[in-house]
């Protein structure tokens, strides 16, 4: 019986570091916000798990506006205050 208890305890201790490492890699619910200034604009970049999904631009004179992803590419952002431009487009098939 003592041998069984020791083996169970050893097995439990062997799996403890794996469980704590898996908990550290869990995705966060809060976005990461990077704030920088370019000229007379303040730019805030919103990232979720390293994925840039929105940019808020606040000019010195004028109303702030958001740029959101139009599709899956990194460089294709459009203004969110133009709702007729937000057309979903997914690549289903591609021939080369």
C-alpha atoms as a PDB file:
ATOM      1  CA  UNK A   1       0.000   0.000   0.000  1.00  0.00           C
ATOM      2  CA  UNK A   2       2.876   2.377   0.796  1.00  0.00           C
ATOM      3  CA  UNK A   3       4.438   1.711  -2.599  1.00  0.00           C
ATOM      4  CA  UNK A   4       1.163   2.582  -4.338  1.00  0.00           C
ATOM      5  CA  UNK A   5       0.867   5.838  -2.365  1.00  0.00           C
ATOM      6  CA  UNK A   6       4.449   6.785  -3.217  1.00  0.00           C
ATOM      7  CA  UNK A   7       3.888   6.070  -6.911  1.00  0.00           C
ATOM      8  CA  UNK A   8       0.713   8.168  -6.935  1.00  0.00           C
ATOM      9  CA  UNK A   9       2.486  11.038  -5.181  1.00  0.00           C
ATOM     10  CA  UNK A  10       5.423  10.814  -7.584  1.00  0.00           C
ATOM     11  CA  UNK A  11       3.052  10.843 -10.570  1.00  0.00           C
ATOM     12  CA  UNK A  12       1.235  13.876  -9.183  1.00  0.00           C
ATOM     13  CA  UNK A  13       4.471  15.768  -8.607  1.00  0.00           C
ATOM     14  CA  UNK A  14       5.720  14.872 -12.085  1.00  0.00           C
ATOM     15  CA  UNK A  15       2.661  16.433 -13.748  1.00  0.00           C
ATOM     16  CA  UNK A  16       2.620  19.651 -11.688  1.00  0.00           C
ATOM     17  CA  UNK A  17       5.155  21.644 -13.802  1.00  0.00           C
ATOM     18  CA  UNK A  18       3.295  20.748 -17.002  1.00  0.00           C
ATOM     19  CA  UNK A  19       0.027  22.085 -15.611  1.00  0.00           C
ATOM     20  CA  UNK A  20       1.584  25.394 -14.513  1.00  0.00           C
ATOM     21  CA  UNK A  21       3.263  25.914 -17.913  1.00  0.00           C
ATOM     22  CA  UNK A  22      -0.028  25.344 -19.715  1.00  0.00           C
ATOM     23  CA  UNK A  23      -1.766  27.923 -17.511  1.00  0.00           C
ATOM     24  CA  UNK A  24       0.850  30.599 -18.384  1.00  0.00           C
ATOM     25  CA  UNK A  25       0.200  30.243 -22.138  1.00  0.00           C
ATOM     26  CA  UNK A  26      -3.548  30.814 -21.824  1.00  0.00           C
ATOM     27  CA  UNK A  27      -4.897  33.615 -24.040  1.00  0.00           C
ATOM     28  CA  UNK A  28      -5.639  36.867 -22.289  1.00  0.00           C
ATOM     29  CA  UNK A  29      -9.055  38.509 -22.399  1.00  0.00           C
ATOM     30  CA  UNK A  30      -7.716  42.074 -22.247  1.00  0.00           C
ATOM     31  CA  UNK A  31      -6.243  43.637 -25.409  1.00  0.00           C
ATOM     32  CA  UNK A  32      -2.709  45.008 -25.474  1.00  0.00           C
ATOM     33  CA  UNK A  33      -2.771  48.712 -26.338  1.00  0.00           C
ATOM     34  CA  UNK A  34       0.299  50.456 -27.768  1.00  0.00           C
ATOM     35  CA  UNK A  35       0.171  54.263 -27.782  1.00  0.00           C
ATOM     36  CA  UNK A  36       2.492  56.332 -29.955  1.00  0.00           C
ATOM     37  CA  UNK A  37       2.557  59.857 -31.385  1.00  0.00           C
ATOM     38  CA  UNK A  38       3.248  60.710 -35.028  1.00  0.00           C
ATOM     39  CA  UNK A  39       3.237  64.400 -35.859  1.00  0.00           C
ATOM     40  CA  UNK A  40      -0.023  65.863 -34.576  1.00  0.00           C
ATOM     41  CA  UNK A  41      -1.767  62.462 -34.265  1.00  0.00           C
ATOM     42  CA  UNK A  42      -1.967  59.996 -31.394  1.00  0.00           C
ATOM     43  CA  UNK A  43      -2.149  56.383 -32.576  1.00  0.00           C
ATOM     44  CA  UNK A  44      -3.392  53.530 -30.386  1.00  0.00           C
ATOM     45  CA  UNK A  45      -2.892  49.974 -31.675  1.00  0.00           C
ATOM     46  CA  UNK A  46      -5.127  47.256 -30.235  1.00  0.00           C
ATOM     47  CA  UNK A  47      -3.747  43.702 -30.217  1.00  0.00           C
ATOM     48  CA  UNK A  48      -5.270  40.453 -28.976  1.00  0.00           C
ATOM     49  CA  UNK A  49      -2.682  37.683 -28.467  1.00  0.00           C
ATOM     50  CA  UNK A  50      -0.269  39.506 -30.788  1.00  0.00           C
ATOM     51  CA  UNK A  51      -2.871  39.977 -33.566  1.00  0.00           C
ATOM     52  CA  UNK A  52      -3.403  43.622 -34.598  1.00  0.00           C
ATOM     53  CA  UNK A  53      -7.151  44.051 -35.084  1.00  0.00           C
ATOM     54  CA  UNK A  54      -7.855  47.788 -34.719  1.00  0.00           C
ATOM     55  CA  UNK A  55      -6.124  51.177 -34.754  1.00  0.00           C
ATOM     56  CA  UNK A  56      -7.531  54.335 -33.163  1.00  0.00           C
ATOM     57  CA  UNK A  57      -6.249  57.607 -34.581  1.00  0.00           C
ATOM     58  CA  UNK A  58      -6.846  60.805 -32.618  1.00  0.00           C
ATOM     59  CA  UNK A  59      -5.841  63.924 -34.577  1.00  0.00           C
ATOM     60  CA  UNK A  60      -4.973  67.105 -32.706  1.00  0.00           C
ATOM     61  CA  UNK A  61      -7.892  68.892 -34.379  1.00  0.00           C
ATOM     62  CA  UNK A  62     -10.882  66.765 -35.311  1.00  0.00           C
ATOM     63  CA  UNK A  63     -12.745  63.668 -34.274  1.00  0.00           C
ATOM     64  CA  UNK A  64     -10.964  60.390 -33.502  1.00  0.00           C
ATOM     65  CA  UNK A  65     -11.633  57.458 -35.816  1.00  0.00           C
ATOM     66  CA  UNK A  66     -10.915  53.733 -35.926  1.00  0.00           C
ATOM     67  CA  UNK A  67      -9.251  51.678 -38.619  1.00  0.00           C
ATOM     68  CA  UNK A  68     -10.303  48.021 -38.671  1.00  0.00           C
ATOM     69  CA  UNK A  69      -9.203  45.064 -40.789  1.00  0.00           C
ATOM     70  CA  UNK A  70     -10.977  44.795 -44.115  1.00  0.00           C
ATOM     71  CA  UNK A  71      -9.695  41.267 -44.744  1.00  0.00           C
ATOM     72  CA  UNK A  72      -6.967  38.931 -43.546  1.00  0.00           C
ATOM     73  CA  UNK A  73      -3.993  40.882 -44.903  1.00  0.00           C
ATOM     74  CA  UNK A  74      -1.768  42.889 -42.605  1.00  0.00           C
ATOM     75  CA  UNK A  75      -1.826  46.153 -44.564  1.00  0.00           C
ATOM     76  CA  UNK A  76      -5.506  46.425 -45.500  1.00  0.00           C
ATOM     77  CA  UNK A  77      -7.289  48.601 -42.919  1.00  0.00           C
ATOM     78  CA  UNK A  78     -10.379  50.730 -43.567  1.00  0.00           C
ATOM     79  CA  UNK A  79     -12.228  53.324 -41.527  1.00  0.00           C
ATOM     80  CA  UNK A  80     -14.987  51.893 -39.344  1.00  0.00           C
ATOM     81  CA  UNK A  81     -17.192  54.980 -39.703  1.00  0.00           C
ATOM     82  CA  UNK A  82     -17.884  54.016 -43.318  1.00  0.00           C
ATOM     83  CA  UNK A  83     -20.258  51.072 -42.744  1.00  0.00           C
ATOM     84  CA  UNK A  84     -20.963  50.473 -46.436  1.00  0.00           C
ATOM     85  CA  UNK A  85     -17.291  49.583 -46.846  1.00  0.00           C
ATOM     86  CA  UNK A  86     -17.342  46.759 -44.275  1.00  0.00           C
ATOM     87  CA  UNK A  87     -18.102  43.903 -46.631  1.00  0.00           C
ATOM     88  CA  UNK A  88     -17.104  40.438 -45.436  1.00  0.00           C
ATOM     89  CA  UNK A  89     -14.805  38.726 -47.903  1.00  0.00           C
ATOM     90  CA  UNK A  90     -13.279  35.324 -47.330  1.00  0.00           C
ATOM     91  CA  UNK A  91     -11.094  33.352 -49.677  1.00  0.00           C
ATOM     92  CA  UNK A  92     -12.768  29.973 -50.064  1.00  0.00           C
ATOM     93  CA  UNK A  93     -10.935  28.608 -53.091  1.00  0.00           C
ATOM     94  CA  UNK A  94      -7.778  29.688 -54.877  1.00  0.00           C
ATOM     95  CA  UNK A  95      -6.244  28.383 -58.083  1.00  0.00           C
ATOM     96  CA  UNK A  96      -2.672  29.041 -59.068  1.00  0.00           C
END
